N, C-alpha and C. Protein backbone atom coordinates (compact mmCIF):
# COMPACT_ATOMS: atom_id res chain seq x y z
N MET A 1 -21.41 -38.51 -17.59
CA MET A 1 -20.91 -37.46 -16.72
C MET A 1 -21.47 -36.12 -17.22
N SER A 2 -22.01 -35.35 -16.32
CA SER A 2 -22.63 -34.09 -16.70
C SER A 2 -21.56 -33.08 -17.14
N ALA A 3 -22.01 -32.10 -17.90
CA ALA A 3 -21.10 -31.06 -18.39
C ALA A 3 -20.50 -30.27 -17.23
N LYS A 4 -21.31 -29.98 -16.20
CA LYS A 4 -20.80 -29.24 -15.03
C LYS A 4 -19.72 -30.02 -14.31
N LEU A 5 -19.90 -31.32 -14.18
CA LEU A 5 -18.92 -32.16 -13.50
C LEU A 5 -17.63 -32.23 -14.32
N LYS A 6 -17.76 -32.32 -15.63
CA LYS A 6 -16.59 -32.35 -16.51
C LYS A 6 -15.80 -31.05 -16.39
N ILE A 7 -16.50 -29.93 -16.38
CA ILE A 7 -15.83 -28.63 -16.26
C ILE A 7 -15.17 -28.51 -14.89
N SER A 8 -15.85 -28.94 -13.84
CA SER A 8 -15.27 -28.89 -12.49
C SER A 8 -14.01 -29.74 -12.41
N ASN A 9 -14.06 -30.94 -13.00
CA ASN A 9 -12.89 -31.82 -13.00
C ASN A 9 -11.75 -31.21 -13.80
N LEU A 10 -12.07 -30.58 -14.92
CA LEU A 10 -11.05 -29.93 -15.73
C LEU A 10 -10.38 -28.79 -14.96
N ILE A 11 -11.18 -27.98 -14.30
CA ILE A 11 -10.63 -26.87 -13.50
C ILE A 11 -9.75 -27.41 -12.39
N LEU A 12 -10.21 -28.44 -11.70
CA LEU A 12 -9.43 -29.04 -10.63
C LEU A 12 -8.11 -29.59 -11.17
N LEU A 13 -8.17 -30.26 -12.31
CA LEU A 13 -6.96 -30.80 -12.93
C LEU A 13 -5.98 -29.68 -13.29
N LEU A 14 -6.48 -28.60 -13.84
CA LEU A 14 -5.62 -27.45 -14.19
C LEU A 14 -4.99 -26.83 -12.95
N LEU A 15 -5.77 -26.67 -11.88
CA LEU A 15 -5.22 -26.12 -10.64
C LEU A 15 -4.17 -27.03 -10.04
N MET A 16 -4.41 -28.33 -10.06
CA MET A 16 -3.42 -29.28 -9.55
C MET A 16 -2.16 -29.25 -10.40
N SER A 17 -2.33 -29.13 -11.69
CA SER A 17 -1.19 -29.06 -12.61
C SER A 17 -0.37 -27.81 -12.34
N PHE A 18 -1.05 -26.67 -12.12
CA PHE A 18 -0.33 -25.42 -11.82
C PHE A 18 0.45 -25.56 -10.53
N ALA A 19 -0.17 -26.12 -9.50
CA ALA A 19 0.51 -26.29 -8.21
C ALA A 19 1.71 -27.21 -8.36
N ALA A 20 1.57 -28.28 -9.11
CA ALA A 20 2.69 -29.20 -9.32
C ALA A 20 3.81 -28.50 -10.09
N ASN A 21 3.44 -27.73 -11.12
CA ASN A 21 4.46 -27.02 -11.90
C ASN A 21 5.18 -25.99 -11.06
N ALA A 22 4.46 -25.30 -10.18
CA ALA A 22 5.11 -24.31 -9.33
C ALA A 22 6.10 -24.97 -8.38
N SER A 23 5.73 -26.12 -7.81
CA SER A 23 6.64 -26.79 -6.89
C SER A 23 7.79 -27.46 -7.63
N ASP A 24 7.57 -27.91 -8.86
CA ASP A 24 8.65 -28.49 -9.66
C ASP A 24 9.62 -27.42 -10.13
N PHE A 25 9.16 -26.22 -10.23
CA PHE A 25 9.94 -25.10 -10.71
C PHE A 25 11.18 -24.85 -9.85
N SER A 26 11.02 -24.78 -8.56
CA SER A 26 12.13 -24.53 -7.65
C SER A 26 11.79 -25.07 -6.26
N PRO A 27 12.73 -25.75 -5.63
CA PRO A 27 12.46 -26.23 -4.28
C PRO A 27 12.39 -25.11 -3.25
N TYR A 28 12.74 -23.89 -3.65
CA TYR A 28 12.76 -22.74 -2.74
C TYR A 28 11.57 -21.81 -2.94
N VAL A 29 10.60 -22.25 -3.75
CA VAL A 29 9.43 -21.44 -4.06
C VAL A 29 8.18 -22.30 -3.88
N ASP A 30 7.21 -21.79 -3.13
CA ASP A 30 5.97 -22.55 -2.97
C ASP A 30 4.97 -22.16 -4.07
N ALA A 31 3.81 -22.76 -4.05
CA ALA A 31 2.80 -22.56 -5.10
C ALA A 31 2.31 -21.12 -5.19
N ASP A 32 2.45 -20.35 -4.12
CA ASP A 32 2.03 -18.94 -4.13
C ASP A 32 3.16 -17.98 -4.50
N GLY A 33 4.35 -18.52 -4.72
CA GLY A 33 5.48 -17.67 -5.07
C GLY A 33 6.29 -17.19 -3.88
N ASN A 34 6.04 -17.74 -2.72
CA ASN A 34 6.83 -17.38 -1.54
C ASN A 34 8.20 -18.03 -1.64
N ILE A 35 9.24 -17.24 -1.43
CA ILE A 35 10.62 -17.68 -1.59
C ILE A 35 11.23 -17.97 -0.23
N SER A 36 11.96 -19.08 -0.14
CA SER A 36 12.64 -19.43 1.11
C SER A 36 14.15 -19.46 0.90
N LEU A 37 14.86 -19.32 2.00
CA LEU A 37 16.32 -19.40 1.99
C LEU A 37 16.73 -20.86 1.86
N PRO A 38 17.55 -21.20 0.86
CA PRO A 38 17.99 -22.59 0.73
C PRO A 38 18.82 -23.04 1.93
N ASP A 39 18.50 -24.21 2.47
CA ASP A 39 19.32 -24.79 3.52
C ASP A 39 20.67 -25.20 2.93
N SER A 40 21.70 -25.11 3.70
CA SER A 40 23.03 -25.61 3.33
C SER A 40 23.57 -25.01 2.04
N PHE A 41 23.17 -23.79 1.69
CA PHE A 41 23.65 -23.21 0.44
C PHE A 41 25.16 -23.04 0.42
N ARG A 42 25.77 -22.81 1.58
CA ARG A 42 27.23 -22.61 1.63
C ARG A 42 28.00 -23.85 1.20
N THR A 43 27.43 -25.03 1.44
CA THR A 43 28.12 -26.27 1.09
C THR A 43 27.54 -26.95 -0.14
N GLN A 44 26.31 -26.63 -0.50
CA GLN A 44 25.65 -27.30 -1.61
C GLN A 44 25.67 -26.50 -2.91
N MET A 45 26.00 -25.22 -2.83
CA MET A 45 26.01 -24.36 -4.01
C MET A 45 27.44 -23.91 -4.30
N ALA A 46 27.63 -23.37 -5.48
CA ALA A 46 28.93 -22.83 -5.89
C ALA A 46 29.02 -21.36 -5.49
N HIS A 47 30.15 -20.97 -4.92
CA HIS A 47 30.41 -19.56 -4.62
C HIS A 47 30.87 -18.91 -5.91
N ILE A 48 30.15 -17.88 -6.37
CA ILE A 48 30.48 -17.28 -7.66
C ILE A 48 31.21 -15.95 -7.55
N GLY A 49 31.25 -15.38 -6.35
CA GLY A 49 31.99 -14.13 -6.18
C GLY A 49 31.57 -13.40 -4.92
N SER A 50 32.31 -12.35 -4.62
CA SER A 50 32.06 -11.56 -3.41
C SER A 50 32.22 -10.09 -3.71
N TRP A 51 31.52 -9.31 -2.93
CA TRP A 51 31.66 -7.86 -2.92
C TRP A 51 32.08 -7.48 -1.50
N PHE A 52 32.81 -6.40 -1.38
CA PHE A 52 33.09 -5.87 -0.05
C PHE A 52 32.62 -4.42 -0.04
N VAL A 53 31.73 -4.11 0.88
CA VAL A 53 31.20 -2.76 1.04
C VAL A 53 31.76 -2.25 2.37
N PRO A 54 32.66 -1.25 2.34
CA PRO A 54 33.34 -0.84 3.58
C PRO A 54 32.49 -0.06 4.56
N ASP A 55 31.51 0.70 4.08
CA ASP A 55 30.75 1.58 4.97
C ASP A 55 29.25 1.54 4.65
N GLY A 56 28.46 2.03 5.59
CA GLY A 56 27.02 2.17 5.36
C GLY A 56 26.21 0.99 5.86
N ASP A 57 24.90 1.09 5.65
CA ASP A 57 23.99 0.04 6.10
C ASP A 57 24.28 -1.32 5.46
N ALA A 58 24.77 -1.30 4.25
CA ALA A 58 25.05 -2.56 3.54
C ALA A 58 26.51 -2.98 3.69
N SER A 59 27.21 -2.41 4.65
CA SER A 59 28.63 -2.72 4.79
C SER A 59 28.86 -4.18 5.13
N GLY A 60 29.99 -4.68 4.69
CA GLY A 60 30.39 -6.04 4.98
C GLY A 60 30.71 -6.82 3.72
N PHE A 61 30.89 -8.11 3.91
CA PHE A 61 31.16 -9.01 2.80
C PHE A 61 29.84 -9.51 2.24
N HIS A 62 29.73 -9.46 0.93
CA HIS A 62 28.54 -9.95 0.22
C HIS A 62 29.00 -11.16 -0.60
N ASP A 63 28.78 -12.35 -0.09
CA ASP A 63 29.17 -13.58 -0.77
C ASP A 63 27.97 -14.13 -1.52
N VAL A 64 28.18 -14.49 -2.79
CA VAL A 64 27.06 -14.90 -3.65
C VAL A 64 27.26 -16.33 -4.14
N PHE A 65 26.16 -17.09 -4.09
CA PHE A 65 26.16 -18.52 -4.42
C PHE A 65 25.06 -18.82 -5.43
N THR A 66 25.25 -19.87 -6.22
CA THR A 66 24.21 -20.40 -7.11
C THR A 66 24.39 -21.91 -7.24
N GLU A 67 23.39 -22.58 -7.77
CA GLU A 67 23.52 -24.02 -8.00
C GLU A 67 24.62 -24.27 -9.03
N LYS A 68 25.28 -25.39 -8.89
CA LYS A 68 26.35 -25.74 -9.84
C LYS A 68 25.80 -25.85 -11.26
N GLU A 69 24.59 -26.40 -11.41
CA GLU A 69 23.97 -26.52 -12.73
C GLU A 69 23.67 -25.15 -13.33
N SER A 70 23.26 -24.21 -12.48
CA SER A 70 22.98 -22.85 -12.96
C SER A 70 24.27 -22.15 -13.39
N LEU A 71 25.34 -22.40 -12.65
CA LEU A 71 26.64 -21.84 -13.02
C LEU A 71 27.08 -22.36 -14.39
N GLU A 72 26.98 -23.65 -14.60
CA GLU A 72 27.38 -24.24 -15.88
C GLU A 72 26.49 -23.71 -17.02
N ALA A 73 25.21 -23.59 -16.78
CA ALA A 73 24.30 -23.07 -17.81
C ALA A 73 24.66 -21.62 -18.14
N TYR A 74 24.95 -20.81 -17.12
CA TYR A 74 25.31 -19.42 -17.37
C TYR A 74 26.59 -19.34 -18.20
N ARG A 75 27.56 -20.16 -17.89
CA ARG A 75 28.81 -20.14 -18.66
C ARG A 75 28.58 -20.44 -20.13
N LYS A 76 27.58 -21.27 -20.44
CA LYS A 76 27.29 -21.63 -21.83
C LYS A 76 26.45 -20.58 -22.54
N THR A 77 25.47 -20.00 -21.82
CA THR A 77 24.48 -19.14 -22.48
C THR A 77 24.57 -17.66 -22.13
N LYS A 78 25.33 -17.34 -21.08
CA LYS A 78 25.41 -15.97 -20.54
C LYS A 78 24.07 -15.48 -20.00
N ASP A 79 23.25 -16.43 -19.54
CA ASP A 79 21.99 -16.11 -18.88
C ASP A 79 21.72 -17.20 -17.85
N PHE A 80 21.05 -16.83 -16.78
CA PHE A 80 20.68 -17.82 -15.78
C PHE A 80 19.44 -18.57 -16.26
N PRO A 81 19.41 -19.89 -16.10
CA PRO A 81 18.26 -20.66 -16.58
C PRO A 81 17.05 -20.49 -15.66
N ASP A 82 15.90 -20.84 -16.18
CA ASP A 82 14.67 -20.84 -15.41
C ASP A 82 14.86 -21.68 -14.15
N GLY A 83 14.49 -21.13 -13.01
CA GLY A 83 14.63 -21.83 -11.74
C GLY A 83 15.96 -21.63 -11.03
N ALA A 84 16.91 -20.96 -11.68
CA ALA A 84 18.21 -20.72 -11.03
C ALA A 84 18.02 -19.88 -9.77
N THR A 85 18.82 -20.15 -8.77
CA THR A 85 18.74 -19.43 -7.50
C THR A 85 20.05 -18.72 -7.24
N LEU A 86 19.98 -17.47 -6.85
CA LEU A 86 21.15 -16.73 -6.37
C LEU A 86 20.91 -16.40 -4.91
N VAL A 87 21.89 -16.68 -4.07
CA VAL A 87 21.83 -16.35 -2.65
C VAL A 87 22.99 -15.42 -2.35
N LYS A 88 22.67 -14.25 -1.82
CA LYS A 88 23.72 -13.34 -1.36
C LYS A 88 23.64 -13.29 0.16
N GLU A 89 24.73 -13.68 0.78
CA GLU A 89 24.83 -13.62 2.24
C GLU A 89 25.68 -12.40 2.59
N VAL A 90 25.10 -11.50 3.38
CA VAL A 90 25.81 -10.30 3.80
C VAL A 90 26.30 -10.54 5.23
N ARG A 91 27.63 -10.41 5.41
CA ARG A 91 28.24 -10.65 6.70
C ARG A 91 28.92 -9.39 7.21
N ALA A 92 28.82 -9.17 8.50
CA ALA A 92 29.52 -8.04 9.13
C ALA A 92 31.02 -8.24 8.96
N HIS A 93 31.76 -7.17 9.13
CA HIS A 93 33.22 -7.29 8.97
C HIS A 93 33.95 -6.55 10.09
N ARG A 94 35.18 -6.93 10.24
CA ARG A 94 36.12 -6.30 11.15
C ARG A 94 37.45 -6.16 10.45
N SER A 95 38.25 -5.26 10.92
CA SER A 95 39.58 -5.08 10.36
C SER A 95 40.61 -5.15 11.48
N GLY A 96 41.78 -5.59 11.11
CA GLY A 96 42.88 -5.66 12.07
C GLY A 96 44.21 -5.78 11.36
N ASN A 97 45.26 -5.72 12.12
CA ASN A 97 46.61 -5.86 11.58
C ASN A 97 47.06 -7.30 11.74
N PHE A 98 47.53 -7.87 10.65
CA PHE A 98 47.97 -9.26 10.64
C PHE A 98 49.33 -9.34 9.96
N THR A 99 49.91 -10.52 9.97
CA THR A 99 51.22 -10.69 9.33
C THR A 99 51.14 -10.44 7.82
N THR A 100 49.94 -10.58 7.25
CA THR A 100 49.77 -10.34 5.82
C THR A 100 49.63 -8.86 5.48
N GLY A 101 49.43 -8.00 6.49
CA GLY A 101 49.32 -6.57 6.23
C GLY A 101 48.50 -5.86 7.29
N ALA A 102 48.46 -4.55 7.15
CA ALA A 102 47.72 -3.71 8.09
C ALA A 102 46.30 -3.49 7.57
N ASN A 103 45.36 -3.32 8.51
CA ASN A 103 43.97 -3.01 8.19
C ASN A 103 43.34 -4.06 7.27
N ILE A 104 43.54 -5.31 7.62
CA ILE A 104 42.98 -6.43 6.85
C ILE A 104 41.54 -6.66 7.32
N SER A 105 40.60 -6.72 6.36
CA SER A 105 39.19 -6.95 6.70
C SER A 105 38.87 -8.44 6.62
N TYR A 106 38.03 -8.88 7.53
CA TYR A 106 37.57 -10.26 7.54
C TYR A 106 36.11 -10.29 7.95
N SER A 107 35.44 -11.37 7.57
CA SER A 107 34.00 -11.44 7.84
C SER A 107 33.71 -12.02 9.21
N GLU A 108 32.54 -11.63 9.71
CA GLU A 108 32.07 -12.13 11.00
C GLU A 108 30.66 -12.69 10.83
N SER A 109 29.76 -12.30 11.69
CA SER A 109 28.41 -12.87 11.72
C SER A 109 27.57 -12.44 10.52
N THR A 110 26.60 -13.28 10.20
CA THR A 110 25.66 -12.98 9.11
C THR A 110 24.73 -11.86 9.53
N LYS A 111 24.52 -10.90 8.60
CA LYS A 111 23.59 -9.80 8.83
C LYS A 111 22.23 -10.08 8.22
N LEU A 112 22.23 -10.61 6.98
CA LEU A 112 20.99 -10.89 6.25
C LEU A 112 21.31 -11.64 4.98
N TRP A 113 20.26 -12.06 4.28
CA TRP A 113 20.40 -12.74 3.00
C TRP A 113 19.46 -12.11 1.97
N PHE A 114 19.90 -12.15 0.74
CA PHE A 114 19.05 -11.84 -0.41
C PHE A 114 18.96 -13.12 -1.23
N VAL A 115 17.78 -13.42 -1.74
CA VAL A 115 17.60 -14.59 -2.60
C VAL A 115 16.86 -14.13 -3.86
N MET A 116 17.37 -14.53 -5.00
CA MET A 116 16.71 -14.28 -6.29
C MET A 116 16.48 -15.64 -6.96
N VAL A 117 15.30 -15.81 -7.55
CA VAL A 117 14.98 -17.04 -8.28
C VAL A 117 14.54 -16.65 -9.69
N ARG A 118 15.20 -17.21 -10.68
CA ARG A 118 14.93 -16.88 -12.08
C ARG A 118 13.59 -17.48 -12.51
N ASP A 119 12.76 -16.66 -13.14
CA ASP A 119 11.44 -17.09 -13.61
C ASP A 119 11.23 -16.57 -15.02
N THR A 120 11.50 -17.40 -16.01
CA THR A 120 11.33 -16.99 -17.40
C THR A 120 9.90 -17.19 -17.89
N GLN A 121 9.03 -17.77 -17.06
CA GLN A 121 7.65 -18.08 -17.46
C GLN A 121 6.60 -17.14 -16.87
N ASN A 122 7.01 -16.17 -16.06
CA ASN A 122 6.08 -15.24 -15.41
C ASN A 122 5.00 -16.01 -14.64
N ARG A 123 5.42 -16.91 -13.77
CA ARG A 123 4.52 -17.79 -13.04
C ARG A 123 3.66 -17.09 -11.99
N PHE A 124 4.13 -15.96 -11.48
CA PHE A 124 3.45 -15.32 -10.36
C PHE A 124 3.15 -13.84 -10.68
N PRO A 125 2.34 -13.59 -11.70
CA PRO A 125 2.12 -12.20 -12.14
C PRO A 125 1.43 -11.32 -11.10
N HIS A 126 0.76 -11.89 -10.14
CA HIS A 126 0.05 -11.09 -9.13
C HIS A 126 0.81 -10.98 -7.82
N ASN A 127 2.01 -11.55 -7.77
CA ASN A 127 2.84 -11.48 -6.58
C ASN A 127 3.88 -10.39 -6.81
N LYS A 128 3.87 -9.34 -6.02
CA LYS A 128 4.69 -8.16 -6.27
C LYS A 128 6.18 -8.36 -6.08
N VAL A 129 6.62 -9.47 -5.49
CA VAL A 129 8.06 -9.71 -5.39
C VAL A 129 8.60 -10.46 -6.62
N TRP A 130 7.72 -10.73 -7.58
CA TRP A 130 8.13 -11.35 -8.83
C TRP A 130 8.03 -10.32 -9.95
N ALA A 131 9.18 -9.96 -10.50
CA ALA A 131 9.20 -8.95 -11.57
C ALA A 131 10.51 -9.06 -12.34
N GLU A 132 10.48 -8.63 -13.56
CA GLU A 132 11.67 -8.56 -14.41
C GLU A 132 12.37 -9.92 -14.55
N GLY A 133 11.57 -10.99 -14.53
CA GLY A 133 12.12 -12.33 -14.74
C GLY A 133 12.74 -12.97 -13.52
N TRP A 134 12.50 -12.38 -12.35
CA TRP A 134 13.07 -12.90 -11.11
C TRP A 134 12.06 -12.81 -9.98
N GLY A 135 12.22 -13.70 -9.01
CA GLY A 135 11.58 -13.55 -7.71
C GLY A 135 12.62 -12.98 -6.77
N TRP A 136 12.20 -12.08 -5.89
CA TRP A 136 13.13 -11.32 -5.06
C TRP A 136 12.79 -11.53 -3.59
N ALA A 137 13.81 -11.79 -2.77
CA ALA A 137 13.57 -11.98 -1.34
C ALA A 137 14.67 -11.31 -0.52
N LEU A 138 14.26 -10.74 0.59
CA LEU A 138 15.16 -10.20 1.62
C LEU A 138 14.81 -10.94 2.90
N ILE A 139 15.78 -11.62 3.46
CA ILE A 139 15.54 -12.45 4.64
C ILE A 139 16.46 -11.98 5.76
N ASN A 140 15.84 -11.58 6.86
CA ASN A 140 16.61 -11.09 8.01
C ASN A 140 17.07 -12.24 8.90
N ILE A 141 18.13 -12.01 9.62
CA ILE A 141 18.74 -13.02 10.48
C ILE A 141 17.81 -13.46 11.62
N ASP A 142 16.95 -12.56 12.09
CA ASP A 142 16.08 -12.91 13.22
C ASP A 142 14.92 -13.83 12.83
N ASN A 143 14.63 -13.97 11.52
CA ASN A 143 13.58 -14.89 11.07
C ASN A 143 13.94 -15.41 9.68
N PRO A 144 14.84 -16.40 9.60
CA PRO A 144 15.30 -16.88 8.30
C PRO A 144 14.26 -17.63 7.48
N LYS A 145 13.06 -17.75 7.99
CA LYS A 145 11.97 -18.42 7.24
C LYS A 145 11.06 -17.42 6.55
N LYS A 146 11.31 -16.11 6.72
CA LYS A 146 10.36 -15.11 6.21
C LYS A 146 11.03 -14.12 5.25
N ASN A 147 10.42 -13.97 4.10
CA ASN A 147 10.83 -12.93 3.15
C ASN A 147 10.16 -11.62 3.59
N VAL A 148 10.97 -10.63 3.93
CA VAL A 148 10.39 -9.35 4.36
C VAL A 148 10.21 -8.38 3.20
N ALA A 149 10.73 -8.70 2.02
CA ALA A 149 10.44 -7.89 0.84
C ALA A 149 8.98 -8.11 0.47
N THR A 150 8.31 -7.04 0.09
CA THR A 150 6.90 -7.16 -0.28
C THR A 150 6.59 -6.67 -1.68
N ASP A 151 7.54 -5.95 -2.28
CA ASP A 151 7.28 -5.33 -3.58
C ASP A 151 8.62 -5.04 -4.26
N PHE A 152 8.85 -5.68 -5.40
CA PHE A 152 10.09 -5.47 -6.15
C PHE A 152 10.36 -3.99 -6.40
N ALA A 153 9.34 -3.27 -6.84
CA ALA A 153 9.52 -1.85 -7.20
C ALA A 153 10.00 -1.02 -6.02
N ASN A 154 9.52 -1.32 -4.82
CA ASN A 154 9.90 -0.54 -3.64
C ASN A 154 11.11 -1.08 -2.92
N ASP A 155 11.29 -2.41 -2.91
CA ASP A 155 12.30 -3.02 -2.06
C ASP A 155 13.58 -3.45 -2.79
N CYS A 156 13.54 -3.64 -4.09
CA CYS A 156 14.66 -4.26 -4.79
C CYS A 156 15.16 -3.46 -6.01
N LYS A 157 14.25 -2.88 -6.73
CA LYS A 157 14.58 -2.26 -8.02
C LYS A 157 15.64 -1.17 -7.90
N GLY A 158 15.56 -0.34 -6.88
CA GLY A 158 16.50 0.77 -6.74
C GLY A 158 17.95 0.32 -6.73
N CYS A 159 18.24 -0.73 -6.01
CA CYS A 159 19.62 -1.23 -5.94
C CYS A 159 20.03 -1.95 -7.22
N HIS A 160 19.10 -2.62 -7.87
CA HIS A 160 19.45 -3.43 -9.04
C HIS A 160 19.32 -2.69 -10.37
N LEU A 161 18.78 -1.51 -10.37
CA LEU A 161 18.60 -0.76 -11.62
C LEU A 161 19.89 -0.62 -12.42
N PRO A 162 21.06 -0.36 -11.79
CA PRO A 162 22.28 -0.28 -12.59
C PRO A 162 22.64 -1.58 -13.30
N ALA A 163 22.09 -2.70 -12.87
CA ALA A 163 22.38 -4.00 -13.49
C ALA A 163 21.29 -4.45 -14.45
N GLN A 164 20.40 -3.56 -14.81
CA GLN A 164 19.28 -3.93 -15.68
C GLN A 164 19.75 -4.54 -17.00
N LYS A 165 20.81 -4.00 -17.59
CA LYS A 165 21.28 -4.50 -18.89
C LYS A 165 21.88 -5.90 -18.81
N SER A 166 22.28 -6.32 -17.60
CA SER A 166 22.81 -7.67 -17.44
C SER A 166 21.78 -8.54 -16.69
N ASN A 167 20.51 -8.31 -17.03
CA ASN A 167 19.39 -9.08 -16.50
C ASN A 167 19.28 -8.96 -14.98
N TRP A 168 19.55 -7.75 -14.48
CA TRP A 168 19.35 -7.39 -13.08
C TRP A 168 20.36 -8.02 -12.13
N VAL A 169 21.44 -8.58 -12.66
CA VAL A 169 22.47 -9.22 -11.84
C VAL A 169 23.80 -8.53 -12.12
N PHE A 170 24.52 -8.20 -11.06
CA PHE A 170 25.82 -7.54 -11.19
C PHE A 170 26.89 -8.58 -11.53
N VAL A 171 26.83 -9.10 -12.75
CA VAL A 171 27.69 -10.22 -13.16
C VAL A 171 29.17 -9.87 -13.14
N GLU A 172 29.52 -8.60 -13.22
CA GLU A 172 30.95 -8.24 -13.22
C GLU A 172 31.62 -8.57 -11.88
N GLY A 173 30.84 -8.75 -10.85
CA GLY A 173 31.40 -9.09 -9.54
C GLY A 173 31.51 -10.58 -9.29
N TYR A 174 31.20 -11.39 -10.29
CA TYR A 174 31.18 -12.83 -10.10
C TYR A 174 32.11 -13.51 -11.10
N PRO A 175 33.42 -13.52 -10.79
CA PRO A 175 34.39 -14.04 -11.75
C PRO A 175 34.19 -15.51 -12.12
N THR A 176 33.60 -16.28 -11.22
CA THR A 176 33.38 -17.69 -11.51
C THR A 176 32.45 -17.90 -12.69
N LEU A 177 31.57 -16.93 -12.94
CA LEU A 177 30.67 -17.03 -14.10
C LEU A 177 31.43 -16.98 -15.41
N HIS A 178 32.60 -16.36 -15.41
CA HIS A 178 33.31 -16.06 -16.65
C HIS A 178 34.57 -16.90 -16.84
N GLU A 179 34.88 -17.77 -15.91
CA GLU A 179 36.11 -18.57 -16.02
C GLU A 179 35.91 -19.79 -16.87
């Protein structure tokens, strides 16, 4: 076998290995680092906590989910493991008077989703939605197959900067992580 053929085969093997590793990394991330919304996350993942934002563009209920294995790993190590997925579903809200009290807020239709995927290996250094040990996605309701975030620094960092010391996650809002 010629040296050129050996080198070509080696390069092909390395590329195939990288593609396999990327797909083994997370079922919600393709070989290029594109992040998708997990199907059935409401029933297949653990709900770790909620936020309620009463006013503004981000108003509504923010319900956050992760894999059960990621939850257990976090409880042991206080860090999300490589490949862990966080899904935040933002839902519109309404308020009304009920027998339980006045001005009670409840959730309605989904507005959008945020998805974060933990990457401790820096697998996608040239993909701008991968930074600070996470992949970042913003998915709108009108096209749940498309991440509209294009750059962590422009689209995600501003909101998550206050959580930098807790690895970019607002863990204080997720009581299930600490129980």
